Structures are given as structure tokens and as C-alpha cells.
């Protein structure tokens, strides 16, 4: 399986994408017809203030918001039994 997702287009024309191919995930930097694959750890170890890093952070944040329930999860359904408190645990 091969998939890419663009997450930043720089003002100099550099395109930054997240790429998944052959079970590997990496960052792809493309400019002027040339492309370079960067190890994800190396990319994340770069300048945290770089625009492409902020854009990557925003991409990850949208994935988390779209997939994960809020901390604490959804409220229980009406009539659902509550968990018993552990010994020594205060009951609110």
C-alpha cells in the first residue's frame, strides 16, 4: 500500500507530505521535481518552529480530534450501571 498526504506547501515551492509505503512511514520533501524521503524521527528532531513542523503538528492534531473521544469518554447511557469504587476510594 502506498499513500501520501500533503501537509505543507512552502513559499519556495517545497511540498511536505506524509508518506506510507511498504509498511514504512516517512516525510517526503519535494521541490523542483526532486523528492527526498526523511525518516520520521529525523524530521521530528528538526526545528520545532519551522513552518512544516507546525503544519505537521496541526495534521496530527486533526487526526486525534477526528478519531479519539474526549478524555473521560462519552457519558454512560441512561440506566447503565456505574463502576464500584475500589477499596479506600472516596465516593463522590
N, C-alpha and C. Protein backbone atom coordinates (compact mmCIF):
# COMPACT_ATOMS: atom_id res chain seq x y z
N UNK A 1 0.84 -1.18 0.00
CA UNK A 1 0.00 0.00 0.00
C UNK A 1 0.88 1.24 0.00
N UNK A 2 0.54 2.19 -0.84
CA UNK A 2 1.28 3.44 -0.92
C UNK A 2 0.28 4.59 -0.85
N UNK A 3 0.52 5.51 0.09
CA UNK A 3 -0.36 6.67 0.22
C UNK A 3 0.46 7.86 0.67
N UNK A 4 0.07 9.04 0.22
CA UNK A 4 0.71 10.27 0.68
C UNK A 4 -0.37 11.27 1.05
N UNK A 5 0.01 12.16 1.95
CA UNK A 5 -0.89 13.24 2.34
C UNK A 5 -0.08 14.52 2.50
N UNK A 6 -0.37 15.48 1.66
CA UNK A 6 0.30 16.78 1.72
C UNK A 6 -0.10 17.49 3.00
N UNK A 7 0.89 18.01 3.73
CA UNK A 7 0.55 18.76 4.93
C UNK A 7 1.12 20.18 4.93
N UNK A 8 2.01 20.50 3.99
CA UNK A 8 2.52 21.87 3.93
C UNK A 8 3.10 22.17 2.55
N UNK A 9 2.77 23.34 2.03
CA UNK A 9 3.37 23.85 0.80
C UNK A 9 4.09 25.13 1.17
N UNK A 10 5.41 25.10 1.09
CA UNK A 10 6.21 26.25 1.48
C UNK A 10 6.19 27.35 0.44
N UNK A 11 6.53 28.57 0.85
CA UNK A 11 6.53 29.70 -0.08
C UNK A 11 7.57 29.55 -1.19
N UNK A 12 8.57 28.70 -0.98
CA UNK A 12 9.59 28.47 -2.01
C UNK A 12 9.21 27.33 -2.95
N UNK A 13 7.99 26.78 -2.77
CA UNK A 13 7.53 25.69 -3.63
C UNK A 13 7.80 24.30 -3.09
N UNK A 14 8.44 24.21 -1.94
CA UNK A 14 8.70 22.91 -1.34
C UNK A 14 7.39 22.32 -0.81
N UNK A 15 7.14 21.08 -1.19
CA UNK A 15 5.94 20.37 -0.74
C UNK A 15 6.35 19.33 0.31
N UNK A 16 5.65 19.32 1.41
CA UNK A 16 5.91 18.39 2.51
C UNK A 16 4.72 17.45 2.64
N UNK A 17 4.98 16.17 2.57
CA UNK A 17 3.92 15.17 2.64
C UNK A 17 4.29 14.07 3.62
N UNK A 18 3.29 13.44 4.17
CA UNK A 18 3.47 12.25 4.97
C UNK A 18 3.24 11.09 4.02
N UNK A 19 4.16 10.14 3.99
CA UNK A 19 4.10 9.04 3.04
C UNK A 19 4.12 7.71 3.78
N UNK A 20 3.27 6.80 3.31
CA UNK A 20 3.28 5.44 3.84
C UNK A 20 3.48 4.50 2.66
N UNK A 21 4.54 3.71 2.72
CA UNK A 21 4.84 2.77 1.65
C UNK A 21 5.56 1.56 2.24
N UNK A 22 5.14 0.39 1.84
CA UNK A 22 5.78 -0.85 2.28
C UNK A 22 5.90 -0.95 3.80
N UNK A 23 4.87 -0.51 4.51
CA UNK A 23 4.88 -0.59 5.97
C UNK A 23 5.71 0.47 6.66
N UNK A 24 6.31 1.36 5.92
CA UNK A 24 7.13 2.42 6.49
C UNK A 24 6.41 3.76 6.38
N UNK A 25 6.62 4.61 7.37
CA UNK A 25 6.07 5.97 7.34
C UNK A 25 7.24 6.93 7.36
N UNK A 26 7.19 7.90 6.47
CA UNK A 26 8.26 8.91 6.41
C UNK A 26 7.69 10.22 5.91
N UNK A 27 8.49 11.26 6.01
CA UNK A 27 8.13 12.57 5.49
C UNK A 27 8.81 12.71 4.13
N UNK A 28 8.05 13.17 3.17
CA UNK A 28 8.57 13.37 1.83
C UNK A 28 8.67 14.87 1.56
N UNK A 29 9.87 15.32 1.19
CA UNK A 29 10.09 16.72 0.85
C UNK A 29 10.37 16.78 -0.65
N UNK A 30 9.55 17.52 -1.39
CA UNK A 30 9.68 17.59 -2.84
C UNK A 30 9.79 19.05 -3.27
N UNK A 31 10.75 19.28 -4.18
CA UNK A 31 10.92 20.63 -4.73
C UNK A 31 11.61 20.53 -6.08
N UNK A 32 11.05 21.23 -7.04
CA UNK A 32 11.67 21.28 -8.36
C UNK A 32 11.84 19.93 -9.02
N UNK A 33 10.91 19.03 -8.82
CA UNK A 33 10.99 17.71 -9.45
C UNK A 33 11.84 16.71 -8.68
N UNK A 34 12.52 17.16 -7.66
CA UNK A 34 13.33 16.26 -6.82
C UNK A 34 12.59 15.97 -5.53
N UNK A 35 12.63 14.72 -5.09
CA UNK A 35 11.98 14.34 -3.83
C UNK A 35 12.97 13.62 -2.93
N UNK A 36 12.83 13.86 -1.65
CA UNK A 36 13.70 13.23 -0.66
C UNK A 36 12.83 12.68 0.47
N UNK A 37 13.04 11.44 0.82
CA UNK A 37 12.34 10.84 1.95
C UNK A 37 13.13 11.05 3.22
N UNK A 38 12.45 11.53 4.25
CA UNK A 38 13.10 11.77 5.53
C UNK A 38 12.51 10.83 6.57
N UNK A 39 13.38 10.22 7.35
CA UNK A 39 12.93 9.41 8.47
C UNK A 39 12.08 10.27 9.38
N UNK A 40 10.98 9.73 9.86
CA UNK A 40 10.06 10.49 10.69
C UNK A 40 10.75 11.04 11.93
N UNK A 41 11.60 10.24 12.56
CA UNK A 41 12.31 10.69 13.76
C UNK A 41 13.24 11.85 13.44
N UNK A 42 13.91 11.80 12.30
CA UNK A 42 14.81 12.89 11.90
C UNK A 42 14.01 14.17 11.66
N UNK A 43 12.86 14.04 11.00
CA UNK A 43 12.02 15.20 10.75
C UNK A 43 11.56 15.81 12.07
N UNK A 44 11.10 14.98 12.98
CA UNK A 44 10.60 15.48 14.26
C UNK A 44 11.71 16.05 15.13
N UNK A 45 12.95 15.66 14.87
CA UNK A 45 14.09 16.19 15.61
C UNK A 45 14.58 17.53 15.10
N UNK A 46 13.97 18.03 14.04
CA UNK A 46 14.37 19.32 13.46
C UNK A 46 13.82 20.50 14.25
N UNK A 47 13.93 21.67 13.66
CA UNK A 47 13.50 22.92 14.28
C UNK A 47 11.99 22.90 14.57
N UNK A 48 11.58 22.93 15.84
CA UNK A 48 10.16 22.88 16.16
C UNK A 48 9.38 24.12 15.71
N UNK A 49 10.08 25.21 15.41
CA UNK A 49 9.41 26.43 14.97
C UNK A 49 9.27 26.51 13.45
N UNK A 50 9.82 25.54 12.73
CA UNK A 50 9.75 25.55 11.27
C UNK A 50 8.29 25.42 10.82
N UNK A 51 7.91 26.13 9.78
CA UNK A 51 6.51 26.09 9.32
C UNK A 51 6.03 24.67 8.99
N UNK A 52 6.92 23.86 8.41
CA UNK A 52 6.50 22.50 8.07
C UNK A 52 6.26 21.65 9.33
N UNK A 53 7.02 21.93 10.39
CA UNK A 53 6.79 21.21 11.65
C UNK A 53 5.48 21.64 12.28
N UNK A 54 5.17 22.93 12.24
CA UNK A 54 3.88 23.39 12.79
C UNK A 54 2.72 22.80 12.00
N UNK A 55 2.88 22.72 10.67
CA UNK A 55 1.83 22.14 9.83
C UNK A 55 1.65 20.66 10.13
N UNK A 56 2.76 19.94 10.37
CA UNK A 56 2.67 18.52 10.72
C UNK A 56 1.95 18.36 12.05
N UNK A 57 2.29 19.22 13.00
CA UNK A 57 1.62 19.20 14.31
C UNK A 57 0.11 19.40 14.13
N UNK A 58 -0.28 20.34 13.28
CA UNK A 58 -1.70 20.58 13.03
C UNK A 58 -2.37 19.37 12.40
N UNK A 59 -1.67 18.68 11.48
CA UNK A 59 -2.22 17.48 10.86
C UNK A 59 -2.47 16.40 11.90
N UNK A 60 -1.50 16.16 12.76
CA UNK A 60 -1.66 15.15 13.81
C UNK A 60 -2.80 15.53 14.73
N UNK A 61 -2.91 16.80 15.07
CA UNK A 61 -4.00 17.25 15.96
C UNK A 61 -5.36 16.97 15.33
N UNK A 62 -5.50 17.19 14.02
CA UNK A 62 -6.80 16.92 13.39
C UNK A 62 -7.11 15.43 13.39
N UNK A 63 -6.09 14.59 13.25
CA UNK A 63 -6.31 13.14 13.30
C UNK A 63 -6.78 12.71 14.68
N UNK A 64 -6.19 13.29 15.70
CA UNK A 64 -6.57 12.96 17.07
C UNK A 64 -8.00 13.42 17.34
N UNK A 65 -8.32 14.63 16.94
CA UNK A 65 -9.66 15.17 17.16
C UNK A 65 -10.72 14.34 16.42
N UNK A 66 -10.39 13.85 15.24
CA UNK A 66 -11.35 13.10 14.44
C UNK A 66 -11.54 11.66 14.95
N UNK A 67 -10.53 11.08 15.60
CA UNK A 67 -10.56 9.68 15.97
C UNK A 67 -10.84 9.40 17.44
N UNK A 68 -10.31 10.21 18.32
CA UNK A 68 -10.34 9.88 19.74
C UNK A 68 -11.49 10.57 20.46
N UNK A 69 -12.15 9.85 21.35
CA UNK A 69 -13.16 10.52 22.19
C UNK A 69 -12.45 11.42 23.19
N UNK A 70 -13.18 12.36 23.72
CA UNK A 70 -12.61 13.25 24.72
C UNK A 70 -12.16 12.44 25.93
N UNK A 71 -11.23 12.98 26.69
CA UNK A 71 -10.77 12.31 27.90
C UNK A 71 -11.99 12.07 28.78
N UNK A 72 -12.10 10.86 29.27
CA UNK A 72 -13.25 10.51 30.07
C UNK A 72 -14.31 9.81 29.23
N UNK A 73 -14.20 9.91 27.92
CA UNK A 73 -15.13 9.24 27.03
C UNK A 73 -16.51 9.85 27.05
N UNK A 74 -17.38 9.20 26.37
CA UNK A 74 -18.77 9.67 26.29
C UNK A 74 -19.48 9.34 27.60
N UNK A 75 -20.49 10.12 27.94
CA UNK A 75 -21.23 9.80 29.16
C UNK A 75 -21.92 8.46 29.01
N UNK A 76 -22.14 7.75 30.12
CA UNK A 76 -22.80 6.45 30.03
C UNK A 76 -24.24 6.58 29.56
N UNK A 77 -24.73 5.52 28.97
CA UNK A 77 -26.13 5.52 28.54
C UNK A 77 -27.03 5.55 29.76
N UNK A 78 -28.21 6.09 29.59
CA UNK A 78 -29.18 6.14 30.68
C UNK A 78 -29.45 4.73 31.16
N UNK A 79 -29.42 4.53 32.46
CA UNK A 79 -29.69 3.23 33.05
C UNK A 79 -28.47 2.34 33.15
N UNK A 80 -27.31 2.77 32.65
CA UNK A 80 -26.11 1.94 32.73
C UNK A 80 -25.61 1.92 34.16
N UNK A 81 -25.09 0.77 34.58
CA UNK A 81 -24.58 0.62 35.94
C UNK A 81 -23.24 1.33 36.05
N UNK A 82 -23.01 1.95 37.18
CA UNK A 82 -21.74 2.62 37.44
C UNK A 82 -20.75 1.61 38.02
N UNK A 83 -19.47 1.87 37.85
CA UNK A 83 -18.44 1.00 38.41
C UNK A 83 -18.41 1.15 39.92
N UNK A 84 -18.12 0.06 40.59
CA UNK A 84 -17.99 0.08 42.05
C UNK A 84 -16.68 0.76 42.42
N UNK A 85 -16.63 1.58 43.47
CA UNK A 85 -15.38 2.18 43.88
C UNK A 85 -14.41 1.13 44.42
N UNK A 86 -13.13 1.38 44.23
CA UNK A 86 -12.09 0.50 44.77
C UNK A 86 -12.03 0.68 46.27
N UNK A 87 -11.58 -0.35 47.03
CA UNK A 87 -11.44 -0.19 48.47
C UNK A 87 -10.57 1.02 48.81
N UNK A 88 -11.05 1.87 49.69
CA UNK A 88 -10.30 3.06 50.09
C UNK A 88 -10.57 4.27 49.21
N UNK A 89 -11.27 4.08 48.10
CA UNK A 89 -11.55 5.17 47.18
C UNK A 89 -12.79 5.92 47.69
N UNK A 90 -12.70 7.24 47.66
CA UNK A 90 -13.83 8.04 48.12
C UNK A 90 -14.94 8.00 47.07
N UNK A 91 -16.17 8.04 47.57
CA UNK A 91 -17.32 8.10 46.68
C UNK A 91 -17.78 9.54 46.62
N UNK A 92 -17.89 10.07 45.41
CA UNK A 92 -18.28 11.48 45.25
C UNK A 92 -19.74 11.67 45.45
